[in-house]
């Protein structure tokens, strides 16, 4: 009594996955993109911090006053201006 054989189970699973992807595919794709964006923002933040530390270290080699140098180079990444 093989009313339900393997090929019909596979066909039903394929049809079910097609229906799920048809309704939720865009949501899955957007969530995957958001994970990628978060990962790249983390990398960008680490690069910004490394660049800030490098510039600060170089500036401190030429001018020893740490408070004066740190006041001219903002750590928050804002648009600091040189007067």
PDB file of N, CA and C in Angstrom:
ATOM      1  N   UNK A   1       0.838  -1.176   0.000  1.00  0.00           N
ATOM      2  CA  UNK A   1       0.000   0.000   0.000  1.00  0.00           C
ATOM      3  C   UNK A   1       0.886   1.243   0.000  1.00  0.00           C
ATOM      4  N   UNK A   2       1.301   1.571  -1.170  1.00  0.00           N
ATOM      5  CA  UNK A   2       2.216   2.699  -1.331  1.00  0.00           C
ATOM      6  C   UNK A   2       1.483   3.848  -1.999  1.00  0.00           C
ATOM      7  N   UNK A   3       0.508   4.395  -1.280  1.00  0.00           N
ATOM      8  CA  UNK A   3      -0.221   5.541  -1.831  1.00  0.00           C
ATOM      9  C   UNK A   3       0.655   6.788  -1.884  1.00  0.00           C
ATOM     10  N   UNK A   4       1.537   6.911  -0.917  1.00  0.00           N
ATOM     11  CA  UNK A   4       2.460   8.046  -0.888  1.00  0.00           C
ATOM     12  C   UNK A   4       3.854   7.483  -1.084  1.00  0.00           C
ATOM     13  N   UNK A   5       4.404   7.694  -2.257  1.00  0.00           N
ATOM     14  CA  UNK A   5       5.752   7.201  -2.510  1.00  0.00           C
ATOM     15  C   UNK A   5       6.752   8.351  -2.382  1.00  0.00           C
ATOM     16  N   UNK A   6       8.012   8.044  -2.586  1.00  0.00           N
ATOM     17  CA  UNK A   6       9.100   8.994  -2.374  1.00  0.00           C
ATOM     18  C   UNK A   6       9.014  10.172  -3.343  1.00  0.00           C
ATOM     19  N   UNK A   7       8.679   9.922  -4.584  1.00  0.00           N
ATOM     20  CA  UNK A   7       8.642  11.010  -5.568  1.00  0.00           C
ATOM     21  C   UNK A   7       7.551  12.035  -5.245  1.00  0.00           C
ATOM     22  N   UNK A   8       6.422  11.573  -4.729  1.00  0.00           N
ATOM     23  CA  UNK A   8       5.369  12.532  -4.374  1.00  0.00           C
ATOM     24  C   UNK A   8       5.757  13.338  -3.137  1.00  0.00           C
ATOM     25  N   UNK A   9       6.500  12.742  -2.206  1.00  0.00           N
ATOM     26  CA  UNK A   9       6.983  13.472  -1.036  1.00  0.00           C
ATOM     27  C   UNK A   9       7.986  14.544  -1.467  1.00  0.00           C
ATOM     28  N   UNK A  10       8.882  14.180  -2.372  1.00  0.00           N
ATOM     29  CA  UNK A  10       9.861  15.146  -2.881  1.00  0.00           C
ATOM     30  C   UNK A  10       9.159  16.260  -3.640  1.00  0.00           C
ATOM     31  N   UNK A  11       8.177  15.917  -4.437  1.00  0.00           N
ATOM     32  CA  UNK A  11       7.430  16.922  -5.187  1.00  0.00           C
ATOM     33  C   UNK A  11       6.680  17.863  -4.242  1.00  0.00           C
ATOM     34  N   UNK A  12       6.102  17.324  -3.183  1.00  0.00           N
ATOM     35  CA  UNK A  12       5.396  18.146  -2.200  1.00  0.00           C
ATOM     36  C   UNK A  12       6.362  19.068  -1.453  1.00  0.00           C
ATOM     37  N   UNK A  13       7.538  18.552  -1.109  1.00  0.00           N
ATOM     38  CA  UNK A  13       8.543  19.382  -0.433  1.00  0.00           C
ATOM     39  C   UNK A  13       9.023  20.497  -1.355  1.00  0.00           C
ATOM     40  N   UNK A  14       9.240  20.197  -2.622  1.00  0.00           N
ATOM     41  CA  UNK A  14       9.667  21.210  -3.591  1.00  0.00           C
ATOM     42  C   UNK A  14       8.585  22.279  -3.742  1.00  0.00           C
ATOM     43  N   UNK A  15       7.340  21.861  -3.858  1.00  0.00           N
ATOM     44  CA  UNK A  15       6.244  22.815  -3.995  1.00  0.00           C
ATOM     45  C   UNK A  15       6.107  23.674  -2.733  1.00  0.00           C
ATOM     46  N   UNK A  16       6.267  23.070  -1.565  1.00  0.00           N
ATOM     47  CA  UNK A  16       6.201  23.815  -0.306  1.00  0.00           C
ATOM     48  C   UNK A  16       7.316  24.833  -0.195  1.00  0.00           C
ATOM     49  N   UNK A  17       8.541  24.439  -0.562  1.00  0.00           N
ATOM     50  CA  UNK A  17       9.652  25.398  -0.505  1.00  0.00           C
ATOM     51  C   UNK A  17       9.443  26.523  -1.503  1.00  0.00           C
ATOM     52  N   UNK A  18       8.860  26.238  -2.654  1.00  0.00           N
ATOM     53  CA  UNK A  18       8.574  27.287  -3.635  1.00  0.00           C
ATOM     54  C   UNK A  18       7.579  28.291  -3.071  1.00  0.00           C
ATOM     55  N   UNK A  19       6.533  27.809  -2.423  1.00  0.00           N
ATOM     56  CA  UNK A  19       5.523  28.692  -1.830  1.00  0.00           C
ATOM     57  C   UNK A  19       6.150  29.548  -0.721  1.00  0.00           C
ATOM     58  N   UNK A  20       6.964  28.928   0.145  1.00  0.00           N
ATOM     59  CA  UNK A  20       7.609  29.675   1.229  1.00  0.00           C
ATOM     60  C   UNK A  20       8.527  30.748   0.660  1.00  0.00           C
ATOM     61  N   UNK A  21       9.339  30.402  -0.327  1.00  0.00           N
ATOM     62  CA  UNK A  21      10.248  31.388  -0.914  1.00  0.00           C
ATOM     63  C   UNK A  21       9.494  32.479  -1.669  1.00  0.00           C
ATOM     64  N   UNK A  22       8.352  32.141  -2.225  1.00  0.00           N
ATOM     65  CA  UNK A  22       7.571  33.139  -2.945  1.00  0.00           C
ATOM     66  C   UNK A  22       7.054  34.200  -1.974  1.00  0.00           C
ATOM     67  N   UNK A  23       6.640  33.783  -0.775  1.00  0.00           N
ATOM     68  CA  UNK A  23       6.099  34.746   0.185  1.00  0.00           C
ATOM     69  C   UNK A  23       7.164  35.389   1.069  1.00  0.00           C
ATOM     70  N   UNK A  24       8.233  34.652   1.418  1.00  0.00           N
ATOM     71  CA  UNK A  24       9.216  35.151   2.362  1.00  0.00           C
ATOM     72  C   UNK A  24      10.601  35.379   1.749  1.00  0.00           C
ATOM     73  N   UNK A  25      10.767  35.180   0.474  1.00  0.00           N
ATOM     74  CA  UNK A  25      12.072  35.325  -0.166  1.00  0.00           C
ATOM     75  C   UNK A  25      12.643  36.719  -0.046  1.00  0.00           C
ATOM     76  N   UNK A  26      11.797  37.718  -0.238  1.00  0.00           N
ATOM     77  CA  UNK A  26      12.270  39.092  -0.162  1.00  0.00           C
ATOM     78  C   UNK A  26      12.694  39.437   1.272  1.00  0.00           C
ATOM     79  N   UNK A  27      11.960  38.968   2.250  1.00  0.00           N
ATOM     80  CA  UNK A  27      12.329  39.216   3.648  1.00  0.00           C
ATOM     81  C   UNK A  27      13.652  38.553   3.989  1.00  0.00           C
ATOM     82  N   UNK A  28      13.845  37.330   3.513  1.00  0.00           N
ATOM     83  CA  UNK A  28      15.101  36.618   3.759  1.00  0.00           C
ATOM     84  C   UNK A  28      16.253  37.368   3.106  1.00  0.00           C
ATOM     85  N   UNK A  29      16.051  37.832   1.882  1.00  0.00           N
ATOM     86  CA  UNK A  29      17.099  38.556   1.170  1.00  0.00           C
ATOM     87  C   UNK A  29      17.439  39.865   1.883  1.00  0.00           C
ATOM     88  N   UNK A  30      16.439  40.584   2.357  1.00  0.00           N
ATOM     89  CA  UNK A  30      16.684  41.849   3.059  1.00  0.00           C
ATOM     90  C   UNK A  30      17.419  41.600   4.361  1.00  0.00           C
ATOM     91  N   UNK A  31      17.046  40.563   5.095  1.00  0.00           N
ATOM     92  CA  UNK A  31      17.733  40.288   6.359  1.00  0.00           C
ATOM     93  C   UNK A  31      19.188  39.898   6.104  1.00  0.00           C
ATOM     94  N   UNK A  32      19.460  39.168   5.038  1.00  0.00           N
ATOM     95  CA  UNK A  32      20.835  38.823   4.696  1.00  0.00           C
ATOM     96  C   UNK A  32      21.627  40.071   4.316  1.00  0.00           C
ATOM     97  N   UNK A  33      20.995  40.992   3.593  1.00  0.00           N
ATOM     98  CA  UNK A  33      21.670  42.243   3.234  1.00  0.00           C
ATOM     99  C   UNK A  33      21.968  43.075   4.477  1.00  0.00           C
ATOM    100  N   UNK A  34      21.035  43.121   5.429  1.00  0.00           N
ATOM    101  CA  UNK A  34      21.256  43.887   6.651  1.00  0.00           C
ATOM    102  C   UNK A  34      22.407  43.317   7.475  1.00  0.00           C
ATOM    103  N   UNK A  35      22.535  42.009   7.506  1.00  0.00           N
ATOM    104  CA  UNK A  35      23.660  41.394   8.208  1.00  0.00           C
ATOM    105  C   UNK A  35      24.971  41.804   7.545  1.00  0.00           C
ATOM    106  N   UNK A  36      24.996  41.810   6.210  1.00  0.00           N
ATOM    107  CA  UNK A  36      26.198  42.230   5.495  1.00  0.00           C
ATOM    108  C   UNK A  36      26.537  43.691   5.740  1.00  0.00           C
ATOM    109  N   UNK A  37      25.519  44.538   5.778  1.00  0.00           N
ATOM    110  CA  UNK A  37      25.745  45.957   6.037  1.00  0.00           C
ATOM    111  C   UNK A  37      26.287  46.162   7.445  1.00  0.00           C
ATOM    112  N   UNK A  38      25.724  45.470   8.437  1.00  0.00           N
ATOM    113  CA  UNK A  38      26.213  45.584   9.808  1.00  0.00           C
ATOM    114  C   UNK A  38      27.670  45.148   9.904  1.00  0.00           C
ATOM    115  N   UNK A  39      28.002  44.059   9.221  1.00  0.00           N
ATOM    116  CA  UNK A  39      29.379  43.562   9.245  1.00  0.00           C
ATOM    117  C   UNK A  39      30.322  44.596   8.638  1.00  0.00           C
ATOM    118  N   UNK A  40      29.930  45.184   7.515  1.00  0.00           N
ATOM    119  CA  UNK A  40      30.789  46.175   6.874  1.00  0.00           C
ATOM    120  C   UNK A  40      30.877  47.465   7.676  1.00  0.00           C
ATOM    121  N   UNK A  41      29.805  47.840   8.376  1.00  0.00           N
ATOM    122  CA  UNK A  41      29.868  49.021   9.244  1.00  0.00           C
ATOM    123  C   UNK A  41      30.827  48.791  10.403  1.00  0.00           C
ATOM    124  N   UNK A  42      30.852  47.585  10.918  1.00  0.00           N
ATOM    125  CA  UNK A  42      31.816  47.252  11.969  1.00  0.00           C
ATOM    126  C   UNK A  42      33.246  47.374  11.473  1.00  0.00           C
ATOM    127  N   UNK A  43      33.500  46.873  10.259  1.00  0.00           N
ATOM    128  CA  UNK A  43      34.834  47.005   9.665  1.00  0.00           C
ATOM    129  C   UNK A  43      35.197  48.469   9.462  1.00  0.00           C
ATOM    130  N   UNK A  44      34.238  49.247   8.994  1.00  0.00           N
ATOM    131  CA  UNK A  44      34.475  50.667   8.755  1.00  0.00           C
ATOM    132  C   UNK A  44      34.782  51.399  10.060  1.00  0.00           C
ATOM    133  N   UNK A  45      34.088  51.052  11.120  1.00  0.00           N
ATOM    134  CA  UNK A  45      34.345  51.672  12.425  1.00  0.00           C
ATOM    135  C   UNK A  45      35.739  51.320  12.925  1.00  0.00           C
ATOM    136  N   UNK A  46      36.155  50.064  12.735  1.00  0.00           N
ATOM    137  CA  UNK A  46      37.505  49.671  13.145  1.00  0.00           C
ATOM    138  C   UNK A  46      38.558  50.409  12.330  1.00  0.00           C
ATOM    139  N   UNK A  47      38.317  50.585  11.018  1.00  0.00           N
ATOM    140  CA  UNK A  47      39.255  51.334  10.179  1.00  0.00           C
ATOM    141  C   UNK A  47      39.323  52.795  10.593  1.00  0.00           C
ATOM    142  N   UNK A  48      38.169  53.394  10.938  1.00  0.00           N
ATOM    143  CA  UNK A  48      38.149  54.785  11.369  1.00  0.00           C
ATOM    144  C   UNK A  48      38.949  54.957  12.659  1.00  0.00           C
ATOM    145  N   UNK A  49      38.766  54.011  13.588  1.00  0.00           N
ATOM    146  CA  UNK A  49      39.494  54.069  14.856  1.00  0.00           C
ATOM    147  C   UNK A  49      40.993  53.904  14.632  1.00  0.00           C
ATOM    148  N   UNK A  50      41.374  52.990  13.750  1.00  0.00           N
ATOM    149  CA  UNK A  50      42.793  52.784  13.468  1.00  0.00           C
ATOM    150  C   UNK A  50      43.395  54.017  12.801  1.00  0.00           C
ATOM    151  N   UNK A  51      42.661  54.642  11.895  1.00  0.00           N
ATOM    152  CA  UNK A  51      43.159  55.851  11.239  1.00  0.00           C
ATOM    153  C   UNK A  51      43.283  56.993  12.243  1.00  0.00           C
ATOM    154  N   UNK A  52      42.306  57.119  13.136  1.00  0.00           N
ATOM    155  CA  UNK A  52      42.360  58.167  14.153  1.00  0.00           C
ATOM    156  C   UNK A  52      43.572  57.976  15.053  1.00  0.00           C
ATOM    157  N   UNK A  53      43.801  56.738  15.494  1.00  0.00           N
ATOM    158  CA  UNK A  53      44.944  56.463  16.359  1.00  0.00           C
ATOM    159  C   UNK A  53      46.261  56.723  15.642  1.00  0.00           C
ATOM    160  N   UNK A  54      46.318  56.386  14.356  1.00  0.00           N
ATOM    161  CA  UNK A  54      47.523  56.611  13.571  1.00  0.00           C
ATOM    162  C   UNK A  54      47.817  58.105  13.403  1.00  0.00           C
ATOM    163  N   UNK A  55      46.787  58.872  13.085  1.00  0.00           N
ATOM    164  CA  UNK A  55      46.968  60.320  12.924  1.00  0.00           C
ATOM    165  C   UNK A  55      47.337  60.951  14.254  1.00  0.00           C
ATOM    166  N   UNK A  56      46.689  60.524  15.320  1.00  0.00           N
ATOM    167  CA  UNK A  56      46.984  61.061  16.642  1.00  0.00           C
ATOM    168  C   UNK A  56      48.421  60.740  17.042  1.00  0.00           C
ATOM    169  N   UNK A  57      48.846  59.518  16.785  1.00  0.00           N
ATOM    170  CA  UNK A  57      50.228  59.134  17.104  1.00  0.00           C
ATOM    171  C   UNK A  57      51.241  59.925  16.310  1.00  0.00           C
ATOM    172  N   UNK A  58      50.965  60.132  15.030  1.00  0.00           N
ATOM    173  CA  UNK A  58      51.878  60.921  14.197  1.00  0.00           C
ATOM    174  C   UNK A  58      51.926  62.370  14.645  1.00  0.00           C
ATOM    175  N   UNK A  59      50.777  62.927  14.995  1.00  0.00           N
ATOM    176  CA  UNK A  59      50.740  64.320  15.439  1.00  0.00           C
ATOM    177  C   UNK A  59      51.457  64.480  16.780  1.00  0.00           C
ATOM    178  N   UNK A  60      51.355  63.489  17.637  1.00  0.00           N
ATOM    179  CA  UNK A  60      52.024  63.579  18.933  1.00  0.00           C
ATOM    180  C   UNK A  60      53.538  63.471  18.795  1.00  0.00           C
ATOM    181  N   UNK A  61      54.010  62.809  17.747  1.00  0.00           N
ATOM    182  CA  UNK A  61      55.458  62.755  17.531  1.00  0.00           C
ATOM    183  C   UNK A  61      56.015  64.131  17.192  1.00  0.00           C
ATOM    184  N   UNK A  62      55.232  64.929  16.445  1.00  0.00           N
ATOM    185  CA  UNK A  62      55.717  66.238  16.021  1.00  0.00           C
ATOM    186  C   UNK A  62      55.431  67.331  17.048  1.00  0.00           C
ATOM    187  N   UNK A  63      54.369  67.177  17.780  1.00  0.00           N
ATOM    188  CA  UNK A  63      54.023  68.161  18.807  1.00  0.00           C
ATOM    189  C   UNK A  63      53.670  67.388  20.062  1.00  0.00           C
ATOM    190  N   UNK A  64      54.436  67.566  21.103  1.00  0.00           N
ATOM    191  CA  UNK A  64      54.316  66.746  22.293  1.00  0.00           C
ATOM    192  C   UNK A  64      53.129  67.048  23.182  1.00  0.00           C
ATOM    193  N   UNK A  65      52.455  68.171  22.995  1.00  0.00           N
ATOM    194  CA  UNK A  65      51.340  68.541  23.863  1.00  0.00           C
ATOM    195  C   UNK A  65      50.104  67.730  23.480  1.00  0.00           C
ATOM    196  N   UNK A  66      49.778  66.725  24.277  1.00  0.00           N
ATOM    197  CA  UNK A  66      48.697  65.799  23.929  1.00  0.00           C
ATOM    198  C   UNK A  66      47.340  66.478  23.964  1.00  0.00           C
ATOM    199  N   UNK A  67      47.079  67.354  24.916  1.00  0.00           N
ATOM    200  CA  UNK A  67      45.771  68.019  24.999  1.00  0.00           C
ATOM    201  C   UNK A  67      45.519  68.892  23.768  1.00  0.00           C
ATOM    202  N   UNK A  68      46.543  69.617  23.323  1.00  0.00           N
ATOM    203  CA  UNK A  68      46.388  70.492  22.153  1.00  0.00           C
ATOM    204  C   UNK A  68      46.123  69.668  20.901  1.00  0.00           C
ATOM    205  N   UNK A  69      46.817  68.550  20.765  1.00  0.00           N
ATOM    206  CA  UNK A  69      46.644  67.703  19.582  1.00  0.00           C
ATOM    207  C   UNK A  69      45.257  67.056  19.600  1.00  0.00           C
ATOM    208  N   UNK A  70      44.840  66.539  20.750  1.00  0.00           N
ATOM    209  CA  UNK A  70      43.540  65.876  20.831  1.00  0.00           C
ATOM    210  C   UNK A  70      42.386  66.851  20.641  1.00  0.00           C
ATOM    211  N   UNK A  71      42.579  68.117  20.999  1.00  0.00           N
ATOM    212  CA  UNK A  71      41.515  69.088  20.785  1.00  0.00           C
ATOM    213  C   UNK A  71      41.351  69.425  19.307  1.00  0.00           C
ATOM    214  N   UNK A  72      42.414  69.275  18.526  1.00  0.00           N
ATOM    215  CA  UNK A  72      42.349  69.573  17.091  1.00  0.00           C
ATOM    216  C   UNK A  72      41.900  68.377  16.262  1.00  0.00           C
ATOM    217  N   UNK A  73      42.017  67.172  16.815  1.00  0.00           N
ATOM    218  CA  UNK A  73      41.628  65.949  16.098  1.00  0.00           C
ATOM    219  C   UNK A  73      40.467  65.315  16.865  1.00  0.00           C
ATOM    220  N   UNK A  74      39.221  65.511  16.417  1.00  0.00           N
ATOM    221  CA  UNK A  74      38.080  64.972  17.164  1.00  0.00           C
ATOM    222  C   UNK A  74      38.010  63.450  17.052  1.00  0.00           C
ATOM    223  N   UNK A  75      37.698  62.788  18.162  1.00  0.00           N
ATOM    224  CA  UNK A  75      37.620  61.328  18.155  1.00  0.00           C
ATOM    225  C   UNK A  75      36.296  60.821  17.630  1.00  0.00           C
ATOM    226  N   UNK A  76      35.252  61.641  17.727  1.00  0.00           N
ATOM    227  CA  UNK A  76      33.924  61.175  17.322  1.00  0.00           C
ATOM    228  C   UNK A  76      33.736  61.159  15.816  1.00  0.00           C
ATOM    229  N   UNK A  77      34.739  61.535  15.061  1.00  0.00           N
ATOM    230  CA  UNK A  77      34.624  61.511  13.611  1.00  0.00           C
ATOM    231  C   UNK A  77      33.875  62.706  13.063  1.00  0.00           C
ATOM    232  N   UNK A  78      33.649  63.702  13.906  1.00  0.00           N
ATOM    233  CA  UNK A  78      32.936  64.902  13.452  1.00  0.00           C
ATOM    234  C   UNK A  78      33.782  65.710  12.495  1.00  0.00           C
ATOM    235  N   UNK A  79      33.180  66.698  11.923  1.00  0.00           N
ATOM    236  CA  UNK A  79      33.886  67.538  10.969  1.00  0.00           C
ATOM    237  C   UNK A  79      34.658  68.611  11.725  1.00  0.00           C
ATOM    238  N   UNK A  80      35.783  68.204  12.285  1.00  0.00           N
ATOM    239  CA  UNK A  80      36.622  69.157  12.999  1.00  0.00           C
ATOM    240  C   UNK A  80      37.261  70.135  12.028  1.00  0.00           C
ATOM    241  N   UNK A  81      37.516  71.311  12.486  1.00  0.00           N
ATOM    242  CA  UNK A  81      38.137  72.302  11.621  1.00  0.00           C
ATOM    243  C   UNK A  81      39.409  72.803  12.266  1.00  0.00           C
ATOM    244  N   UNK A  82      40.364  73.153  11.444  1.00  0.00           N
ATOM    245  CA  UNK A  82      41.631  73.660  11.927  1.00  0.00           C
ATOM    246  C   UNK A  82      41.607  75.183  11.847  1.00  0.00           C
ATOM    247  N   UNK A  83      41.809  75.825  12.984  1.00  0.00           N
ATOM    248  CA  UNK A  83      41.827  77.280  12.999  1.00  0.00           C
ATOM    249  C   UNK A  83      43.228  77.798  12.789  1.00  0.00           C
TER     250      UNK A  83
END
